[in-house]
PDB file of N, CA and C in Angstrom:
ATOM      1  N   MET A   1      39.312  83.091  88.989  1.00  0.00           N
ATOM      2  CA  MET A   1      39.106  83.246  90.809  1.00  0.00           C
ATOM      3  C   MET A   1      40.614  83.779  90.784  1.00  0.00           C
ATOM      4  N   THR A   2      40.789  84.905  91.273  1.00  0.00           N
ATOM      5  CA  THR A   2      42.236  85.617  91.853  1.00  0.00           C
ATOM      6  C   THR A   2      41.991  85.501  93.697  1.00  0.00           C
ATOM      7  N   SER A   3      43.297  85.505  93.683  1.00  0.00           N
ATOM      8  CA  SER A   3      43.806  85.463  95.422  1.00  0.00           C
ATOM      9  C   SER A   3      44.003  86.694  95.593  1.00  0.00           C
ATOM     10  N   VAL A   4      44.251  87.079  96.912  1.00  0.00           N
ATOM     11  CA  VAL A   4      44.238  87.668  97.795  1.00  0.00           C
ATOM     12  C   VAL A   4      45.036  88.989  96.845  1.00  0.00           C
ATOM     13  N   ASP A   5      46.581  88.441  96.859  1.00  0.00           N
ATOM     14  CA  ASP A   5      47.492  89.537  95.729  1.00  0.00           C
ATOM     15  C   ASP A   5      47.024  89.663  94.745  1.00  0.00           C
ATOM     16  N   GLY A   6      45.990  89.191  93.933  1.00  0.00           N
ATOM     17  CA  GLY A   6      45.614  89.862  92.790  1.00  0.00           C
ATOM     18  C   GLY A   6      46.263  88.808  91.653  1.00  0.00           C
ATOM     19  N   LYS A   7      46.550  87.400  92.432  1.00  0.00           N
ATOM     20  CA  LYS A   7      47.159  86.742  90.926  1.00  0.00           C
ATOM     21  C   LYS A   7      46.197  85.737  90.800  1.00  0.00           C
ATOM     22  N   THR A   8      46.047  84.839  89.458  1.00  0.00           N
ATOM     23  CA  THR A   8      45.143  83.639  89.241  1.00  0.00           C
ATOM     24  C   THR A   8      45.863  82.845  89.975  1.00  0.00           C
ATOM     25  N   THR A   9      44.628  81.957  90.786  1.00  0.00           N
ATOM     26  CA  THR A   9      44.412  80.673  91.407  1.00  0.00           C
ATOM     27  C   THR A   9      44.137  79.476  90.857  1.00  0.00           C
ATOM     28  N   ASP A  10      43.464  79.848  89.501  1.00  0.00           N
ATOM     29  CA  ASP A  10      43.365  78.601  89.118  1.00  0.00           C
ATOM     30  C   ASP A  10      44.371  77.520  88.305  1.00  0.00           C
ATOM     31  N   VAL A  11      44.336  76.304  88.549  1.00  0.00           N
ATOM     32  CA  VAL A  11      45.209  75.285  88.222  1.00  0.00           C
ATOM     33  C   VAL A  11      44.893  74.909  86.886  1.00  0.00           C
ATOM     34  N   ARG A  12      43.632  74.850  86.334  1.00  0.00           N
ATOM     35  CA  ARG A  12      42.949  74.372  85.820  1.00  0.00           C
ATOM     36  C   ARG A  12      41.961  74.991  84.676  1.00  0.00           C
ATOM     37  N   ILE A  13      41.485  74.918  83.400  1.00  0.00           N
ATOM     38  CA  ILE A  13      40.466  75.782  82.613  1.00  0.00           C
ATOM     39  C   ILE A  13      39.355  74.690  82.326  1.00  0.00           C
ATOM     40  N   ILE A  14      38.403  74.848  82.403  1.00  0.00           N
ATOM     41  CA  ILE A  14      36.957  73.815  82.334  1.00  0.00           C
ATOM     42  C   ILE A  14      36.197  74.306  80.912  1.00  0.00           C
ATOM     43  N   PHE A  15      36.189  73.358  80.090  1.00  0.00           N
ATOM     44  CA  PHE A  15      35.447  73.105  78.979  1.00  0.00           C
ATOM     45  C   PHE A  15      34.138  72.482  78.590  1.00  0.00           C
ATOM     46  N   ARG A  16      32.665  72.901  78.706  1.00  0.00           N
ATOM     47  CA  ARG A  16      32.032  71.978  78.374  1.00  0.00           C
ATOM     48  C   ARG A  16      31.285  71.713  77.079  1.00  0.00           C
ATOM     49  N   THR A  17      31.213  70.432  77.122  1.00  0.00           N
ATOM     50  CA  THR A  17      30.497  69.798  75.553  1.00  0.00           C
ATOM     51  C   THR A  17      28.753  70.592  75.573  1.00  0.00           C
ATOM     52  N   GLU A  18      28.366  70.627  74.415  1.00  0.00           N
ATOM     53  CA  GLU A  18      26.797  71.022  74.498  1.00  0.00           C
ATOM     54  C   GLU A  18      26.357  69.631  75.193  1.00  0.00           C
ATOM     55  N   GLU A  19      26.997  68.830  74.966  1.00  0.00           N
ATOM     56  CA  GLU A  19      25.712  67.270  76.008  1.00  0.00           C
ATOM     57  C   GLU A  19      25.994  67.858  77.404  1.00  0.00           C
ATOM     58  N   PHE A  20      27.071  68.253  77.820  1.00  0.00           N
ATOM     59  CA  PHE A  20      27.311  68.412  79.121  1.00  0.00           C
ATOM     60  C   PHE A  20      26.467  69.744  79.465  1.00  0.00           C
ATOM     61  N   GLU A  21      26.337  70.776  78.648  1.00  0.00           N
ATOM     62  CA  GLU A  21      25.600  71.806  78.704  1.00  0.00           C
ATOM     63  C   GLU A  21      24.344  71.411  79.481  1.00  0.00           C
ATOM     64  N   LYS A  22      23.346  70.522  78.305  1.00  0.00           N
ATOM     65  CA  LYS A  22      22.255  70.265  77.883  1.00  0.00           C
ATOM     66  C   LYS A  22      21.663  69.548  79.389  1.00  0.00           C
ATOM     67  N   PHE A  23      22.638  68.619  79.576  1.00  0.00           N
ATOM     68  CA  PHE A  23      22.558  68.098  81.370  1.00  0.00           C
ATOM     69  C   PHE A  23      22.329  68.885  82.156  1.00  0.00           C
ATOM     70  N   TYR A  24      23.534  69.754  82.186  1.00  0.00           N
ATOM     71  CA  TYR A  24      23.399  70.813  83.806  1.00  0.00           C
ATOM     72  C   TYR A  24      22.095  71.696  83.858  1.00  0.00           C
ATOM     73  N   ASN A  25      21.713  72.334  82.646  1.00  0.00           N
ATOM     74  CA  ASN A  25      20.797  73.040  82.340  1.00  0.00           C
ATOM     75  C   ASN A  25      19.629  72.237  82.349  1.00  0.00           C
ATOM     76  N   SER A  26      19.494  70.875  82.647  1.00  0.00           N
ATOM     77  CA  SER A  26      18.444  70.213  83.167  1.00  0.00           C
ATOM     78  C   SER A  26      17.796  69.912  84.886  1.00  0.00           C
ATOM     79  N   LEU A  27      19.498  70.711  85.360  1.00  0.00           N
ATOM     80  CA  LEU A  27      19.430  70.332  86.714  1.00  0.00           C
ATOM     81  C   LEU A  27      18.831  71.188  87.703  1.00  0.00           C
ATOM     82  N   ASN A  28      18.298  71.225  88.899  1.00  0.00           N
ATOM     83  CA  ASN A  28      17.321  71.829  89.781  1.00  0.00           C
ATOM     84  C   ASN A  28      18.651  73.135  90.510  1.00  0.00           C
ATOM     85  N   THR A  29      18.083  74.083  90.994  1.00  0.00           N
ATOM     86  CA  THR A  29      19.462  75.106  91.770  1.00  0.00           C
ATOM     87  C   THR A  29      19.733  73.949  92.613  1.00  0.00           C
ATOM     88  N   ARG A  30      19.740  73.406  93.745  1.00  0.00           N
ATOM     89  CA  ARG A  30      20.494  72.741  94.685  1.00  0.00           C
ATOM     90  C   ARG A  30      21.624  71.730  93.918  1.00  0.00           C
ATOM     91  N   VAL A  31      21.116  71.103  93.161  1.00  0.00           N
ATOM     92  CA  VAL A  31      21.887  70.511  92.333  1.00  0.00           C
ATOM     93  C   VAL A  31      22.977  70.994  91.537  1.00  0.00           C
ATOM     94  N   LYS A  32      22.605  72.250  91.034  1.00  0.00           N
ATOM     95  CA  LYS A  32      23.569  73.120  90.316  1.00  0.00           C
ATOM     96  C   LYS A  32      25.002  73.921  91.377  1.00  0.00           C
ATOM     97  N   ASP A  33      24.086  74.254  92.481  1.00  0.00           N
ATOM     98  CA  ASP A  33      25.110  75.013  93.296  1.00  0.00           C
ATOM     99  C   ASP A  33      26.119  73.782  93.599  1.00  0.00           C
ATOM    100  N   LYS A  34      25.825  72.496  93.816  1.00  0.00           N
ATOM    101  CA  LYS A  34      26.797  71.660  94.454  1.00  0.00           C
ATOM    102  C   LYS A  34      27.843  71.232  93.300  1.00  0.00           C
ATOM    103  N   PHE A  35      27.358  71.035  91.971  1.00  0.00           N
ATOM    104  CA  PHE A  35      28.093  71.265  90.673  1.00  0.00           C
ATOM    105  C   PHE A  35      29.070  72.425  90.897  1.00  0.00           C
ATOM    106  N   GLU A  36      28.445  73.709  91.119  1.00  0.00           N
ATOM    107  CA  GLU A  36      29.819  74.621  90.948  1.00  0.00           C
ATOM    108  C   GLU A  36      30.485  74.712  91.415  1.00  0.00           C
ATOM    109  N   TYR A  37      30.330  74.003  92.892  1.00  0.00           N
ATOM    110  CA  TYR A  37      31.369  73.802  94.106  1.00  0.00           C
ATOM    111  C   TYR A  37      32.520  73.281  93.753  1.00  0.00           C
ATOM    112  N   THR A  38      32.092  72.012  92.976  1.00  0.00           N
ATOM    113  CA  THR A  38      32.725  71.148  92.446  1.00  0.00           C
ATOM    114  C   THR A  38      33.657  71.528  91.367  1.00  0.00           C
ATOM    115  N   PHE A  39      32.717  72.475  90.558  1.00  0.00           N
ATOM    116  CA  PHE A  39      33.733  73.354  89.165  1.00  0.00           C
ATOM    117  C   PHE A  39      34.742  73.838  89.998  1.00  0.00           C
ATOM    118  N   GLY A  40      34.336  74.691  91.292  1.00  0.00           N
ATOM    119  CA  GLY A  40      35.348  75.364  91.836  1.00  0.00           C
ATOM    120  C   GLY A  40      36.707  74.735  92.512  1.00  0.00           C
ATOM    121  N   LEU A  41      36.660  73.416  92.761  1.00  0.00           N
ATOM    122  CA  LEU A  41      37.407  72.627  93.153  1.00  0.00           C
ATOM    123  C   LEU A  41      38.325  72.274  91.864  1.00  0.00           C
ATOM    124  N   VAL A  42      37.674  71.459  91.031  1.00  0.00           N
ATOM    125  CA  VAL A  42      38.287  71.194  89.827  1.00  0.00           C
ATOM    126  C   VAL A  42      39.326  72.417  89.279  1.00  0.00           C
ATOM    127  N   GLN A  43      38.758  73.515  89.279  1.00  0.00           N
ATOM    128  CA  GLN A  43      39.667  74.961  89.125  1.00  0.00           C
ATOM    129  C   GLN A  43      40.919  75.182  89.756  1.00  0.00           C
ATOM    130  N   THR A  44      40.671  74.746  91.150  1.00  0.00           N
ATOM    131  CA  THR A  44      41.820  75.569  92.302  1.00  0.00           C
ATOM    132  C   THR A  44      42.543  74.216  92.549  1.00  0.00           C
ATOM    133  N   VAL A  45      41.929  73.292  93.012  1.00  0.00           N
ATOM    134  CA  VAL A  45      42.882  72.392  94.083  1.00  0.00           C
ATOM    135  C   VAL A  45      43.517  71.595  92.652  1.00  0.00           C
ATOM    136  N   TYR A  46      44.890  71.297  93.289  1.00  0.00           N
ATOM    137  CA  TYR A  46      45.824  70.575  92.256  1.00  0.00           C
ATOM    138  C   TYR A  46      45.823  69.186  92.150  1.00  0.00           C
ATOM    139  N   ALA A  47      45.728  68.560  93.130  1.00  0.00           N
ATOM    140  CA  ALA A  47      45.168  66.721  93.416  1.00  0.00           C
ATOM    141  C   ALA A  47      43.717  66.724  93.490  1.00  0.00           C
ATOM    142  N   LEU A  48      43.215  66.050  92.735  1.00  0.00           N
ATOM    143  CA  LEU A  48      41.484  65.970  92.141  1.00  0.00           C
ATOM    144  C   LEU A  48      41.232  64.596  92.619  1.00  0.00           C
ATOM    145  N   PRO A  49      39.908  64.309  93.258  1.00  0.00           N
ATOM    146  CA  PRO A  49      39.442  63.318  93.826  1.00  0.00           C
ATOM    147  C   PRO A  49      38.542  62.663  92.847  1.00  0.00           C
ATOM    148  N   VAL A  50      39.358  62.707  91.829  1.00  0.00           N
ATOM    149  CA  VAL A  50      38.052  61.677  90.530  1.00  0.00           C
ATOM    150  C   VAL A  50      38.809  60.543  90.358  1.00  0.00           C
ATOM    151  N   LYS A  51      37.521  59.565  89.828  1.00  0.00           N
ATOM    152  CA  LYS A  51      38.084  58.439  89.453  1.00  0.00           C
ATOM    153  C   LYS A  51      38.469  57.959  88.234  1.00  0.00           C
ATOM    154  N   TYR A  52      39.529  57.244  87.859  1.00  0.00           N
ATOM    155  CA  TYR A  52      39.968  56.923  86.468  1.00  0.00           C
ATOM    156  C   TYR A  52      39.091  55.750  85.750  1.00  0.00           C
ATOM    157  N   ILE A  53      37.946  55.986  84.826  1.00  0.00           N
ATOM    158  CA  ILE A  53      37.288  54.950  84.450  1.00  0.00           C
ATOM    159  C   ILE A  53      37.700  53.937  82.967  1.00  0.00           C
ATOM    160  N   LYS A  54      38.024  54.534  81.919  1.00  0.00           N
ATOM    161  CA  LYS A  54      38.341  53.799  80.846  1.00  0.00           C
ATOM    162  C   LYS A  54      39.403  55.119  79.976  1.00  0.00           C
ATOM    163  N   THR A  55      40.477  53.885  79.546  1.00  0.00           N
ATOM    164  CA  THR A  55      41.380  54.628  78.671  1.00  0.00           C
ATOM    165  C   THR A  55      41.875  55.843  79.011  1.00  0.00           C
ATOM    166  N   ASN A  56      41.552  56.955  78.964  1.00  0.00           N
ATOM    167  CA  ASN A  56      41.936  58.404  78.789  1.00  0.00           C
ATOM    168  C   ASN A  56      40.622  59.096  79.829  1.00  0.00           C
ATOM    169  N   LEU A  57      39.451  58.580  80.446  1.00  0.00           N
ATOM    170  CA  LEU A  57      38.612  59.065  80.578  1.00  0.00           C
ATOM    171  C   LEU A  57      38.486  59.041  82.085  1.00  0.00           C
ATOM    172  N   TYR A  58      38.245  60.043  83.144  1.00  0.00           N
ATOM    173  CA  TYR A  58      37.878  60.315  84.350  1.00  0.00           C
ATOM    174  C   TYR A  58      36.449  60.318  84.704  1.00  0.00           C
ATOM    175  N   GLU A  59      35.886  60.271  85.730  1.00  0.00           N
ATOM    176  CA  GLU A  59      34.700  60.352  86.327  1.00  0.00           C
ATOM    177  C   GLU A  59      34.926  61.489  87.689  1.00  0.00           C
ATOM    178  N   MET A  60      33.672  62.647  87.354  1.00  0.00           N
ATOM    179  CA  MET A  60      33.703  63.359  88.579  1.00  0.00           C
ATOM    180  C   MET A  60      32.045  63.569  89.266  1.00  0.00           C
ATOM    181  N   ARG A  61      32.381  62.959  90.390  1.00  0.00           N
ATOM    182  CA  ARG A  61      30.570  62.684  91.591  1.00  0.00           C
ATOM    183  C   ARG A  61      30.531  63.776  91.635  1.00  0.00           C
ATOM    184  N   VAL A  62      29.497  63.990  92.235  1.00  0.00           N
ATOM    185  CA  VAL A  62      28.360  65.031  92.645  1.00  0.00           C
ATOM    186  C   VAL A  62      27.321  64.092  93.328  1.00  0.00           C
ATOM    187  N   SER A  63      27.392  64.015  94.899  1.00  0.00           N
ATOM    188  CA  SER A  63      26.549  63.695  95.610  1.00  0.00           C
ATOM    189  C   SER A  63      25.371  64.157  96.430  1.00  0.00           C
ATOM    190  N   VAL A  64      23.944  64.972  95.663  1.00  0.00           N
ATOM    191  CA  VAL A  64      23.209  65.808  96.535  1.00  0.00           C
ATOM    192  C   VAL A  64      22.083  64.555  97.134  1.00  0.00           C
ATOM    193  N   GLY A  65      21.899  64.345  98.248  1.00  0.00           N
ATOM    194  CA  GLY A  65      20.765  63.501  99.281  1.00  0.00           C
ATOM    195  C   GLY A  65      21.412  62.243  98.761  1.00  0.00           C
ATOM    196  N   SER A  66      20.386  61.363  98.265  1.00  0.00           N
ATOM    197  CA  SER A  66      20.818  60.145  97.823  1.00  0.00           C
ATOM    198  C   SER A  66      20.911  59.611  96.345  1.00  0.00           C
ATOM    199  N   ASN A  67      21.103  61.084  95.684  1.00  0.00           N
ATOM    200  CA  ASN A  67      21.144  60.718  94.548  1.00  0.00           C
ATOM    201  C   ASN A  67      22.856  61.134  94.013  1.00  0.00           C
ATOM    202  N   GLU A  68      23.091  60.164  92.965  1.00  0.00           N
ATOM    203  CA  GLU A  68      24.545  60.424  92.422  1.00  0.00           C
ATOM    204  C   GLU A  68      24.631  60.653  91.038  1.00  0.00           C
ATOM    205  N   TYR A  69      25.172  61.678  91.050  1.00  0.00           N
ATOM    206  CA  TYR A  69      25.060  62.482  89.297  1.00  0.00           C
ATOM    207  C   TYR A  69      27.050  62.258  89.003  1.00  0.00           C
ATOM    208  N   ARG A  70      27.589  61.901  87.781  1.00  0.00           N
ATOM    209  CA  ARG A  70      28.483  61.782  87.259  1.00  0.00           C
ATOM    210  C   ARG A  70      28.478  62.534  86.370  1.00  0.00           C
ATOM    211  N   THR A  71      29.901  62.730  85.968  1.00  0.00           N
ATOM    212  CA  THR A  71      30.354  63.832  84.616  1.00  0.00           C
ATOM    213  C   THR A  71      31.494  63.005  84.264  1.00  0.00           C
ATOM    214  N   VAL A  72      31.565  62.776  83.238  1.00  0.00           N
ATOM    215  CA  VAL A  72      32.519  61.991  82.511  1.00  0.00           C
ATOM    216  C   VAL A  72      33.699  62.911  81.518  1.00  0.00           C
ATOM    217  N   LEU A  73      34.749  63.326  82.263  1.00  0.00           N
ATOM    218  CA  LEU A  73      35.796  64.616  81.904  1.00  0.00           C
ATOM    219  C   LEU A  73      36.791  63.574  81.479  1.00  0.00           C
ATOM    220  N   PHE A  74      37.711  64.572  80.696  1.00  0.00           N
ATOM    221  CA  PHE A  74      38.999  64.213  79.493  1.00  0.00           C
ATOM    222  C   PHE A  74      39.874  65.231  79.674  1.00  0.00           C
ATOM    223  N   ALA A  75      41.199  64.702  80.168  1.00  0.00           N
ATOM    224  CA  ALA A  75      42.257  66.019  80.560  1.00  0.00           C
ATOM    225  C   ALA A  75      42.733  65.915  78.837  1.00  0.00           C
ATOM    226  N   ILE A  76      42.641  67.429  78.486  1.00  0.00           N
ATOM    227  CA  ILE A  76      43.187  67.367  76.996  1.00  0.00           C
ATOM    228  C   ILE A  76      44.511  67.558  76.803  1.00  0.00           C
ATOM    229  N   ASP A  77      45.260  68.391  77.943  1.00  0.00           N
ATOM    230  CA  ASP A  77      46.712  68.572  77.595  1.00  0.00           C
ATOM    231  C   ASP A  77      47.903  67.709  78.224  1.00  0.00           C
ATOM    232  N   ASN A  78      47.103  66.816  79.267  1.00  0.00           N
ATOM    233  CA  ASN A  78      48.071  65.753  79.413  1.00  0.00           C
ATOM    234  C   ASN A  78      47.595  64.220  80.084  1.00  0.00           C
ATOM    235  N   SER A  79      47.774  63.364  79.782  1.00  0.00           N
ATOM    236  CA  SER A  79      47.282  62.180  80.219  1.00  0.00           C
ATOM    237  C   SER A  79      47.056  61.551  81.854  1.00  0.00           C
ATOM    238  N   ASN A  80      47.597  62.342  82.431  1.00  0.00           N
ATOM    239  CA  ASN A  80      47.307  62.488  83.661  1.00  0.00           C
ATOM    240  C   ASN A  80      46.112  63.524  84.203  1.00  0.00           C
ATOM    241  N   VAL A  81      45.033  63.751  84.606  1.00  0.00           N
ATOM    242  CA  VAL A  81      44.163  64.532  85.125  1.00  0.00           C
ATOM    243  C   VAL A  81      44.796  65.917  85.648  1.00  0.00           C
ATOM    244  N   ILE A  82      45.434  65.098  86.837  1.00  0.00           N
ATOM    245  CA  ILE A  82      46.076  65.865  87.891  1.00  0.00           C
ATOM    246  C   ILE A  82      46.777  66.470  87.674  1.00  0.00           C
ATOM    247  N   LEU A  83      48.141  66.353  86.726  1.00  0.00           N
ATOM    248  CA  LEU A  83      48.851  67.390  85.802  1.00  0.00           C
ATOM    249  C   LEU A  83      48.127  68.103  84.594  1.00  0.00           C
ATOM    250  N   SER A  84      46.879  68.191  84.618  1.00  0.00           N
ATOM    251  CA  SER A  84      46.451  68.803  83.058  1.00  0.00           C
ATOM    252  C   SER A  84      45.952  69.970  83.580  1.00  0.00           C
ATOM    253  N   THR A  85      46.058  70.903  82.702  1.00  0.00           N
ATOM    254  CA  THR A  85      45.743  72.674  82.717  1.00  0.00           C
ATOM    255  C   THR A  85      44.216  72.754  82.032  1.00  0.00           C
ATOM    256  N   LYS A  86      43.789  71.954  81.248  1.00  0.00           N
ATOM    257  CA  LYS A  86      42.672  71.727  80.534  1.00  0.00           C
ATOM    258  C   LYS A  86      41.606  70.547  80.623  1.00  0.00           C
ATOM    259  N   ILE A  87      40.406  70.932  80.785  1.00  0.00           N
ATOM    260  CA  ILE A  87      39.489  69.530  81.204  1.00  0.00           C
ATOM    261  C   ILE A  87      38.110  70.015  80.423  1.00  0.00           C
ATOM    262  N   ILE A  88      37.722  69.080  79.516  1.00  0.00           N
ATOM    263  CA  ILE A  88      36.648  69.035  78.957  1.00  0.00           C
ATOM    264  C   ILE A  88      35.712  68.328  79.718  1.00  0.00           C
ATOM    265  N   LEU A  89      34.530  68.590  79.865  1.00  0.00           N
ATOM    266  CA  LEU A  89      33.404  67.648  80.863  1.00  0.00           C
ATOM    267  C   LEU A  89      32.489  67.512  79.332  1.00  0.00           C
ATOM    268  N   LEU A  90      32.261  66.171  79.394  1.00  0.00           N
ATOM    269  CA  LEU A  90      32.150  65.451  78.085  1.00  0.00           C
ATOM    270  C   LEU A  90      30.259  65.506  78.479  1.00  0.00           C
ATOM    271  N   ASN A  91      30.035  64.628  79.028  1.00  0.00           N
ATOM    272  CA  ASN A  91      28.703  64.520  79.252  1.00  0.00           C
ATOM    273  C   ASN A  91      28.315  64.452  81.068  1.00  0.00           C
ATOM    274  N   GLY A  92      27.465  64.464  81.358  1.00  0.00           N
ATOM    275  CA  GLY A  92      26.904  64.191  82.666  1.00  0.00           C
ATOM    276  C   GLY A  92      25.592  63.095  82.982  1.00  0.00           C
ATOM    277  N   PHE A  93      25.470  62.613  84.087  1.00  0.00           N
ATOM    278  CA  PHE A  93      24.390  61.714  84.281  1.00  0.00           C
ATOM    279  C   PHE A  93      23.826  61.482  85.578  1.00  0.00           C
ATOM    280  N   LEU A  94      22.622  61.050  85.726  1.00  0.00           N
ATOM    281  CA  LEU A  94      22.534  60.408  87.285  1.00  0.00           C
ATOM    282  C   LEU A  94      22.542  59.035  87.351  1.00  0.00           C
ATOM    283  N   LYS A  95      23.152  58.177  87.980  1.00  0.00           N
ATOM    284  CA  LYS A  95      23.676  57.096  88.023  1.00  0.00           C
ATOM    285  C   LYS A  95      22.086  56.473  88.547  1.00  0.00           C
ATOM    286  N   LYS A  96      22.003  55.526  87.889  1.00  0.00           N
ATOM    287  CA  LYS A  96      20.663  54.599  88.161  1.00  0.00           C
ATOM    288  C   LYS A  96      20.819  52.965  88.384  1.00  0.00           C
ATOM    289  N   SER A  97      21.918  52.539  87.247  1.00  0.00           N
ATOM    290  CA  SER A  97      22.308  51.421  86.806  1.00  0.00           C
ATOM    291  C   SER A  97      23.615  51.120  86.695  1.00  0.00           C
ATOM    292  N   THR A  98      23.880  49.744  86.393  1.00  0.00           N
ATOM    293  CA  THR A  98      25.606  49.645  85.861  1.00  0.00           C
ATOM    294  C   THR A  98      25.193  49.940  84.120  1.00  0.00           C
ATOM    295  N   LYS A  99      23.987  49.548  83.924  1.00  0.00           N
ATOM    296  CA  LYS A  99      23.611  49.657  82.614  1.00  0.00           C
ATOM    297  C   LYS A  99      23.874  50.720  81.633  1.00  0.00           C
ATOM    298  N   ASP A 100      23.292  51.744  82.287  1.00  0.00           N
ATOM    299  CA  ASP A 100      23.194  53.027  82.483  1.00  0.00           C
ATOM    300  C   ASP A 100      24.523  53.336  82.167  1.00  0.00           C
ATOM    301  N   TYR A 101      25.127  53.390  83.189  1.00  0.00           N
ATOM    302  CA  TYR A 101      26.492  53.854  83.601  1.00  0.00           C
ATOM    303  C   TYR A 101      27.617  53.176  82.615  1.00  0.00           C
ATOM    304  N   ASP A 102      27.244  52.149  82.136  1.00  0.00           N
ATOM    305  CA  ASP A 102      27.491  51.900  80.483  1.00  0.00           C
ATOM    306  C   ASP A 102      27.567  52.623  79.174  1.00  0.00           C
ATOM    307  N   LYS A 103      26.536  52.698  79.229  1.00  0.00           N
ATOM    308  CA  LYS A 103      25.624  53.548  77.942  1.00  0.00           C
ATOM    309  C   LYS A 103      26.531  55.191  78.220  1.00  0.00           C
ATOM    310  N   GLN A 104      26.399  55.618  79.228  1.00  0.00           N
ATOM    311  CA  GLN A 104      27.187  57.011  79.310  1.00  0.00           C
ATOM    312  C   GLN A 104      28.618  57.087  79.068  1.00  0.00           C
ATOM    313  N   ILE A 105      29.166  55.826  79.376  1.00  0.00           N
ATOM    314  CA  ILE A 105      30.640  56.207  78.880  1.00  0.00           C
ATOM    315  C   ILE A 105      30.908  55.879  77.274  1.00  0.00           C
ATOM    316  N   ALA A 106      30.370  54.729  76.815  1.00  0.00           N
ATOM    317  CA  ALA A 106      30.132  55.127  75.635  1.00  0.00           C
ATOM    318  C   ALA A 106      29.751  55.940  74.846  1.00  0.00           C
ATOM    319  N   LYS A 107      28.766  56.920  75.210  1.00  0.00           N
ATOM    320  CA  LYS A 107      28.223  58.180  74.933  1.00  0.00           C
ATOM    321  C   LYS A 107      29.531  59.235  74.763  1.00  0.00           C
ATOM    322  N   ALA A 108      30.187  59.066  76.056  1.00  0.00           N
ATOM    323  CA  ALA A 108      31.370  59.799  76.085  1.00  0.00           C
ATOM    324  C   ALA A 108      32.423  59.688  75.032  1.00  0.00           C
ATOM    325  N   VAL A 109      32.438  58.374  74.810  1.00  0.00           N
ATOM    326  CA  VAL A 109      33.962  58.021  73.625  1.00  0.00           C
ATOM    327  C   VAL A 109      33.288  58.335  72.711  1.00  0.00           C
ATOM    328  N   ARG A 110      32.079  58.573  72.243  1.00  0.00           N
ATOM    329  CA  ARG A 110      31.727  58.981  70.981  1.00  0.00           C
ATOM    330  C   ARG A 110      31.568  60.695  70.842  1.00  0.00           C
ATOM    331  N   ILE A 111      31.482  61.346  72.032  1.00  0.00           N
ATOM    332  CA  ILE A 111      32.050  62.623  71.948  1.00  0.00           C
ATOM    333  C   ILE A 111      32.920  63.422  71.909  1.00  0.00           C
ATOM    334  N   LEU A 112      33.762  62.418  72.769  1.00  0.00           N
ATOM    335  CA  LEU A 112      35.443  62.642  72.467  1.00  0.00           C
ATOM    336  C   LEU A 112      36.012  62.563  70.823  1.00  0.00           C
ATOM    337  N   LYS A 113      35.138  61.317  70.378  1.00  0.00           N
ATOM    338  CA  LYS A 113      35.787  60.880  68.681  1.00  0.00           C
ATOM    339  C   LYS A 113      35.354  62.230  68.364  1.00  0.00           C
ATOM    340  N   ASP A 114      34.332  62.416  67.836  1.00  0.00           N
ATOM    341  CA  ASP A 114      33.445  63.435  67.451  1.00  0.00           C
ATOM    342  C   ASP A 114      34.315  64.785  67.608  1.00  0.00           C
ATOM    343  N   LEU A 115      34.903  65.211  68.737  1.00  0.00           N
ATOM    344  CA  LEU A 115      35.540  66.218  68.714  1.00  0.00           C
ATOM    345  C   LEU A 115      36.473  66.676  68.093  1.00  0.00           C
ATOM    346  N   ALA A 116      37.398  65.316  67.727  1.00  0.00           N
ATOM    347  CA  ALA A 116      38.856  64.721  67.787  1.00  0.00           C
ATOM    348  C   ALA A 116      39.588  65.550  68.184  1.00  0.00           C
ATOM    349  N   LEU A 117      40.010  65.520  69.266  1.00  0.00           N
ATOM    350  CA  LEU A 117      40.875  66.158  70.234  1.00  0.00           C
ATOM    351  C   LEU A 117      42.093  65.286  70.344  1.00  0.00           C
TER     352      LEU A 117
END
């Protein structure tokens, strides 16, 4: 994204894991549009409305209708996601229950470990 004067306005680069891509590609167009809007905010807005969930993981929420989609993310180059310039989306899911949620966090931890960042 570039500003009017031609300078880059992005404050963050977003990387996606294969697991996140599989999740994203399974979504319908309406949900993908909302995700794209959220990605734009993550890339261009300094202060992010994300939730700290575990040790070094954060959660990005996307609501479409009554559905709550969650994406577990990791700040690559800083322990504080707001100060980070590189973020990786580890996995995404539709939150249905706390049990599902716990499984997805464990999955994100495994993905991060496999990436060896």
